């Protein structure tokens, strides 16, 4: 059986993946923000995780992506 990359992505929750690297907190019904950004040092974390799209975005570095990019 061959598993596609899309199948793998759909089976990995980005919130669970990011939680392995840092503490996150809910900011509204479906979005989270990292308490401390694991990707770079900054005073206030700008790393946001979006549940609906299963993507993240770091507003401080203007970089983002899916669970594999993280």
N, C-alpha and C. Protein backbone atom coordinates (compact mmCIF):
# COMPACT_ATOMS: atom_id res chain seq x y z
N UNK A 1 0.84 -1.18 0.00
CA UNK A 1 0.00 0.00 0.00
C UNK A 1 0.88 1.24 0.00
N UNK A 2 0.60 2.15 -0.88
CA UNK A 2 1.33 3.40 -0.98
C UNK A 2 0.54 4.51 -0.30
N UNK A 3 1.22 5.30 0.51
CA UNK A 3 0.60 6.42 1.20
C UNK A 3 1.11 7.70 0.58
N UNK A 4 0.19 8.58 0.21
CA UNK A 4 0.60 9.84 -0.41
C UNK A 4 1.00 10.86 0.65
N UNK A 5 1.73 11.85 0.24
CA UNK A 5 2.13 12.94 1.12
C UNK A 5 0.90 13.64 1.68
N UNK A 6 -0.11 13.83 0.86
CA UNK A 6 -1.35 14.48 1.31
C UNK A 6 -2.05 13.64 2.37
N UNK A 7 -2.03 12.31 2.22
CA UNK A 7 -2.62 11.44 3.24
C UNK A 7 -1.90 11.60 4.57
N UNK A 8 -0.58 11.66 4.53
CA UNK A 8 0.19 11.85 5.75
C UNK A 8 -0.14 13.17 6.41
N UNK A 9 -0.18 14.25 5.62
CA UNK A 9 -0.49 15.57 6.17
C UNK A 9 -1.87 15.60 6.81
N UNK A 10 -2.83 14.93 6.20
CA UNK A 10 -4.19 14.96 6.73
C UNK A 10 -4.32 14.17 8.03
N UNK A 11 -3.35 13.30 8.31
CA UNK A 11 -3.40 12.49 9.53
C UNK A 11 -2.56 13.06 10.67
N UNK A 12 -1.85 14.15 10.43
CA UNK A 12 -1.03 14.76 11.47
C UNK A 12 -1.62 16.12 11.80
N UNK A 13 -2.04 16.31 13.04
CA UNK A 13 -2.61 17.58 13.48
C UNK A 13 -1.48 18.55 13.80
N UNK A 14 -1.51 19.73 13.20
CA UNK A 14 -0.43 20.69 13.40
C UNK A 14 -0.34 21.15 14.85
N UNK A 15 -1.47 21.23 15.54
CA UNK A 15 -1.45 21.64 16.95
C UNK A 15 -0.66 20.62 17.78
N UNK A 16 -0.91 19.34 17.56
CA UNK A 16 -0.19 18.29 18.29
C UNK A 16 1.29 18.32 17.96
N UNK A 17 1.63 18.57 16.70
CA UNK A 17 3.03 18.62 16.30
C UNK A 17 3.75 19.80 16.94
N UNK A 18 3.16 20.97 16.91
CA UNK A 18 3.80 22.16 17.48
C UNK A 18 3.94 22.01 18.99
N UNK A 19 2.96 21.39 19.65
CA UNK A 19 3.01 21.20 21.10
C UNK A 19 4.20 20.35 21.53
N UNK A 20 4.76 19.60 20.64
CA UNK A 20 5.95 18.80 20.98
C UNK A 20 7.18 19.69 21.15
N UNK A 21 7.14 20.89 20.60
CA UNK A 21 8.30 21.79 20.62
C UNK A 21 8.12 23.00 21.52
N UNK A 22 6.88 23.35 21.84
CA UNK A 22 6.67 24.53 22.67
C UNK A 22 5.26 24.51 23.26
N UNK A 23 5.09 25.35 24.28
CA UNK A 23 3.78 25.52 24.87
C UNK A 23 2.96 26.46 23.99
N UNK A 24 1.70 26.12 23.79
CA UNK A 24 0.83 26.99 23.00
C UNK A 24 -0.41 27.32 23.82
N UNK A 25 -1.06 28.41 23.46
CA UNK A 25 -2.31 28.76 24.13
C UNK A 25 -3.34 29.14 23.08
N UNK A 26 -4.58 28.84 23.39
CA UNK A 26 -5.69 29.14 22.48
C UNK A 26 -5.97 30.64 22.52
N UNK A 27 -6.12 31.24 21.35
CA UNK A 27 -6.44 32.67 21.29
C UNK A 27 -7.86 32.93 20.83
N UNK A 28 -8.48 31.95 20.20
CA UNK A 28 -9.91 32.00 19.88
C UNK A 28 -10.38 30.57 19.64
N UNK A 29 -11.52 30.38 19.05
CA UNK A 29 -12.08 29.03 18.91
C UNK A 29 -11.17 28.05 18.18
N UNK A 30 -10.47 28.49 17.17
CA UNK A 30 -9.69 27.56 16.35
C UNK A 30 -8.23 27.92 16.18
N UNK A 31 -7.75 28.96 16.81
CA UNK A 31 -6.38 29.39 16.58
C UNK A 31 -5.58 29.39 17.88
N UNK A 32 -4.29 29.20 17.74
CA UNK A 32 -3.38 29.15 18.87
C UNK A 32 -2.18 30.06 18.59
N UNK A 33 -1.48 30.40 19.66
CA UNK A 33 -0.24 31.16 19.54
C UNK A 33 0.77 30.46 20.45
N UNK A 34 2.02 30.44 20.01
CA UNK A 34 3.07 29.86 20.83
C UNK A 34 3.41 30.81 21.97
N UNK A 35 3.57 30.26 23.16
CA UNK A 35 3.96 31.09 24.30
C UNK A 35 5.38 31.59 24.09
N UNK A 36 6.27 30.71 23.65
CA UNK A 36 7.64 31.05 23.27
C UNK A 36 7.87 30.46 21.89
N UNK A 37 8.31 31.27 20.97
CA UNK A 37 8.53 30.82 19.60
C UNK A 37 9.73 29.88 19.54
N UNK A 38 9.55 28.62 19.12
CA UNK A 38 10.67 27.69 19.06
C UNK A 38 11.56 27.90 17.83
N UNK A 39 11.12 28.73 16.90
CA UNK A 39 11.86 28.92 15.66
C UNK A 39 12.91 30.02 15.75
N UNK A 40 12.71 30.98 16.68
CA UNK A 40 13.66 32.07 16.85
C UNK A 40 13.36 32.79 18.16
N UNK A 41 14.35 33.53 18.64
CA UNK A 41 14.17 34.27 19.89
C UNK A 41 13.46 35.59 19.62
N UNK A 42 12.54 35.93 20.49
CA UNK A 42 11.83 37.20 20.41
C UNK A 42 11.15 37.46 21.75
N UNK A 43 10.88 38.72 22.05
CA UNK A 43 10.26 39.06 23.33
C UNK A 43 8.82 38.56 23.41
N UNK A 44 8.06 38.76 22.38
CA UNK A 44 6.67 38.32 22.32
C UNK A 44 6.51 37.41 21.12
N UNK A 45 6.06 36.21 21.34
CA UNK A 45 5.95 35.24 20.26
C UNK A 45 4.98 35.70 19.19
N UNK A 46 5.39 35.54 17.95
CA UNK A 46 4.53 35.90 16.83
C UNK A 46 4.17 34.67 16.00
N UNK A 47 4.35 33.49 16.58
CA UNK A 47 4.04 32.24 15.90
C UNK A 47 2.58 31.88 16.16
N UNK A 48 1.80 31.84 15.10
CA UNK A 48 0.38 31.51 15.19
C UNK A 48 0.12 30.19 14.48
N UNK A 49 -0.80 29.40 15.05
CA UNK A 49 -1.18 28.12 14.48
C UNK A 49 -2.67 28.18 14.15
N UNK A 50 -3.00 27.86 12.91
CA UNK A 50 -4.38 27.95 12.43
C UNK A 50 -4.94 26.54 12.21
N UNK A 51 -5.89 26.16 13.05
CA UNK A 51 -6.46 24.81 13.02
C UNK A 51 -7.23 24.56 11.74
N UNK A 52 -8.04 25.51 11.31
CA UNK A 52 -8.89 25.31 10.13
C UNK A 52 -8.09 24.97 8.88
N UNK A 53 -6.95 25.60 8.71
CA UNK A 53 -6.14 25.36 7.52
C UNK A 53 -4.97 24.43 7.76
N UNK A 54 -4.77 24.05 9.06
CA UNK A 54 -3.65 23.19 9.44
C UNK A 54 -2.31 23.79 8.99
N UNK A 55 -2.17 25.10 9.24
CA UNK A 55 -0.96 25.81 8.86
C UNK A 55 -0.49 26.68 10.02
N UNK A 56 0.76 27.11 9.93
CA UNK A 56 1.30 28.04 10.91
C UNK A 56 1.84 29.25 10.17
N UNK A 57 2.00 30.35 10.89
CA UNK A 57 2.62 31.54 10.31
C UNK A 57 3.36 32.29 11.41
N UNK A 58 4.60 32.64 11.13
CA UNK A 58 5.42 33.42 12.05
C UNK A 58 5.44 34.85 11.50
N UNK A 59 4.69 35.72 12.14
CA UNK A 59 4.55 37.09 11.66
C UNK A 59 5.85 37.88 11.78
N UNK A 60 6.73 37.48 12.67
CA UNK A 60 8.01 38.18 12.82
C UNK A 60 8.98 37.91 11.70
N UNK A 61 8.94 36.70 11.14
CA UNK A 61 9.86 36.35 10.05
C UNK A 61 9.16 36.27 8.70
N UNK A 62 7.85 36.41 8.70
CA UNK A 62 7.03 36.31 7.47
C UNK A 62 7.18 34.94 6.81
N UNK A 63 7.30 33.90 7.63
CA UNK A 63 7.41 32.55 7.11
C UNK A 63 6.30 31.69 7.70
N UNK A 64 5.87 30.71 6.96
CA UNK A 64 4.84 29.83 7.43
C UNK A 64 4.75 28.60 6.57
N UNK A 65 3.78 27.75 6.86
CA UNK A 65 3.60 26.55 6.07
C UNK A 65 2.75 25.53 6.79
N UNK A 66 2.88 24.29 6.33
CA UNK A 66 2.10 23.21 6.91
C UNK A 66 2.92 22.47 7.97
N UNK A 67 2.43 21.35 8.42
CA UNK A 67 3.08 20.61 9.50
C UNK A 67 4.47 20.13 9.07
N UNK A 68 4.66 19.78 7.83
CA UNK A 68 5.97 19.33 7.37
C UNK A 68 6.96 20.50 7.26
N UNK A 69 6.48 21.67 6.91
CA UNK A 69 7.34 22.84 6.85
C UNK A 69 7.82 23.23 8.25
N UNK A 70 6.94 23.05 9.24
CA UNK A 70 7.30 23.39 10.61
C UNK A 70 8.49 22.56 11.06
